[in-house]
C-alpha atoms as a PDB file:
ATOM      1  CA  MET A   1     -12.648  12.487   8.717  1.00  0.00           C
ATOM      2  CA  THR A   2     -14.365   9.184   8.961  1.00  0.00           C
ATOM      3  CA  ASP A   3     -16.136   7.544   6.091  1.00  0.00           C
ATOM      4  CA  PRO A   4     -19.092   7.983   5.956  1.00  0.00           C
ATOM      5  CA  ASP A   5     -18.688  11.479   7.247  1.00  0.00           C
ATOM      6  CA  ILE A   6     -19.730  12.146  10.854  1.00  0.00           C
ATOM      7  CA  VAL A   7     -21.847  15.127   9.763  1.00  0.00           C
ATOM      8  CA  ALA A   8     -23.914  12.970   7.422  1.00  0.00           C
ATOM      9  CA  ARG A   9     -24.280  10.306  10.102  1.00  0.00           C
ATOM     10  CA  LEU A  10     -25.433  12.847  12.691  1.00  0.00           C
ATOM     11  CA  ARG A  11     -27.982  14.314  10.289  1.00  0.00           C
ATOM     12  CA  SER A  12     -29.375  10.875   9.419  1.00  0.00           C
ATOM     13  CA  VAL A  13     -30.165   9.802  12.999  1.00  0.00           C
ATOM     14  CA  PHE A  14     -33.859   9.408  13.687  1.00  0.00           C
ATOM     15  CA  HIS A  15     -34.882   8.919  17.271  1.00  0.00           C
ATOM     16  CA  ASN A  16     -38.176   8.675  19.115  1.00  0.00           C
ATOM     17  CA  ASP A  17     -36.976  11.615  21.224  1.00  0.00           C
ATOM     18  CA  ARG A  18     -37.039  14.707  18.978  1.00  0.00           C
ATOM     19  CA  SER A  19     -34.522  16.458  21.241  1.00  0.00           C
ATOM     20  CA  VAL A  20     -31.898  13.844  20.293  1.00  0.00           C
ATOM     21  CA  GLU A  21     -32.424  14.607  16.617  1.00  0.00           C
ATOM     22  CA  LEU A  22     -32.189  18.348  17.252  1.00  0.00           C
ATOM     23  CA  MET A  23     -29.017  17.920  19.307  1.00  0.00           C
ATOM     24  CA  ASN A  24     -27.449  15.853  16.514  1.00  0.00           C
ATOM     25  CA  ARG A  25     -28.352  18.518  13.946  1.00  0.00           C
ATOM     26  CA  GLU A  26     -26.818  21.220  16.137  1.00  0.00           C
ATOM     27  CA  ALA A  27     -23.670  19.123  16.496  1.00  0.00           C
ATOM     28  CA  ALA A  28     -23.507  18.630  12.722  1.00  0.00           C
ATOM     29  CA  ASP A  29     -23.934  22.379  12.150  1.00  0.00           C
ATOM     30  CA  GLU A  30     -21.123  23.127  14.608  1.00  0.00           C
ATOM     31  CA  ILE A  31     -18.807  20.599  12.953  1.00  0.00           C
ATOM     32  CA  GLU A  32     -19.448  22.188   9.555  1.00  0.00           C
ATOM     33  CA  ARG A  33     -18.812  25.675  10.963  1.00  0.00           C
ATOM     34  CA  LEU A  34     -15.545  24.562  12.573  1.00  0.00           C
ATOM     35  CA  ARG A  35     -14.391  22.833   9.387  1.00  0.00           C
ATOM     36  CA  LYS A  36     -14.967  26.035   7.409  1.00  0.00           C
ATOM     37  CA  GLU A  37     -13.005  28.000  10.005  1.00  0.00           C
ATOM     38  CA  ARG A  38     -10.191  25.405   9.951  1.00  0.00           C
ATOM     39  CA  ASP A  39     -10.003  25.455   6.158  1.00  0.00           C
ATOM     40  CA  GLU A  40      -9.856  29.255   6.104  1.00  0.00           C
ATOM     41  CA  ALA A  41      -6.972  29.177   8.595  1.00  0.00           C
ATOM     42  CA  ARG A  42      -5.221  26.515   6.505  1.00  0.00           C
ATOM     43  CA  ARG A  43      -5.626  28.635   3.355  1.00  0.00           C
ATOM     44  CA  GLU A  44      -4.015  31.570   5.166  1.00  0.00           C
ATOM     45  CA  VAL A  45      -1.116  29.356   6.259  1.00  0.00           C
ATOM     46  CA  CYS A  46      -0.681  28.089   2.696  1.00  0.00           C
ATOM     47  CA  GLU A  47      -0.642  31.633   1.329  1.00  0.00           C
ATOM     48  CA  TRP A  48       1.943  32.860   3.872  1.00  0.00           C
ATOM     49  CA  VAL A  49       4.198  29.828   3.476  1.00  0.00           C
ATOM     50  CA  ALA A  50       3.901  30.046  -0.317  1.00  0.00           C
ATOM     51  CA  LEU A  51       5.057  33.664  -0.237  1.00  0.00           C
ATOM     52  CA  SER A  52       8.084  32.883   1.902  1.00  0.00           C
ATOM     53  CA  LEU A  53       9.088  29.773  -0.089  1.00  0.00           C
ATOM     54  CA  LYS A  54       8.289  31.168  -3.557  1.00  0.00           C
ATOM     55  CA  ARG A  55       5.759  28.396  -4.154  1.00  0.00           C
ATOM     56  CA  THR A  56       2.060  28.335  -4.956  1.00  0.00           C
ATOM     57  CA  SER A  57      -0.568  27.968  -2.257  1.00  0.00           C
ATOM     58  CA  ARG A  58      -1.687  24.734  -3.893  1.00  0.00           C
ATOM     59  CA  GLU A  59       1.834  23.295  -3.690  1.00  0.00           C
ATOM     60  CA  VAL A  60       1.954  24.046   0.028  1.00  0.00           C
ATOM     61  CA  GLU A  61      -1.519  22.564   0.473  1.00  0.00           C
ATOM     62  CA  ASN A  62      -0.504  19.343  -1.300  1.00  0.00           C
ATOM     63  CA  LYS A  63       2.775  19.069   0.633  1.00  0.00           C
ATOM     64  CA  ARG A  64       0.857  19.264   3.932  1.00  0.00           C
ATOM     65  CA  GLY A  65      -1.776  16.765   2.777  1.00  0.00           C
ATOM     66  CA  TRP A  66      -4.604  19.277   3.168  1.00  0.00           C
ATOM     67  CA  ASP A  67      -7.657  19.818   0.984  1.00  0.00           C
ATOM     68  CA  CYS A  68      -8.493  23.350   2.092  1.00  0.00           C
ATOM     69  CA  PHE A  69      -8.936  24.920  -1.363  1.00  0.00           C
ATOM     70  CA  LYS A  70     -11.647  22.465  -2.472  1.00  0.00           C
ATOM     71  CA  GLY A  71     -14.561  24.490  -3.768  1.00  0.00           C
ATOM     72  CA  VAL A  72     -12.630  27.765  -3.599  1.00  0.00           C
ATOM     73  CA  ASP A  73     -12.388  29.659  -6.881  1.00  0.00           C
ATOM     74  CA  ASP A  74      -8.888  31.074  -7.084  1.00  0.00           C
ATOM     75  CA  ASP A  75      -5.817  31.256  -9.313  1.00  0.00           C
ATOM     76  CA  ARG A  76      -3.280  29.638  -6.974  1.00  0.00           C
END
């Protein structure tokens, strides 16, 4: 991810052509949807790897440099 985040940048664009703004908002929505899907897949990977290695999901997440459990309420 870039800093500031691409989603925030897309949402903040104001243009004299309203269709440009709408297209940017749609792009931002799609990015957010794909990130959620990616994080869910990463959580599944962490859970499967944790089971096979006798580790916690959080340990696997940290080892891979991911932040896929942020905002998820769990006991891992």
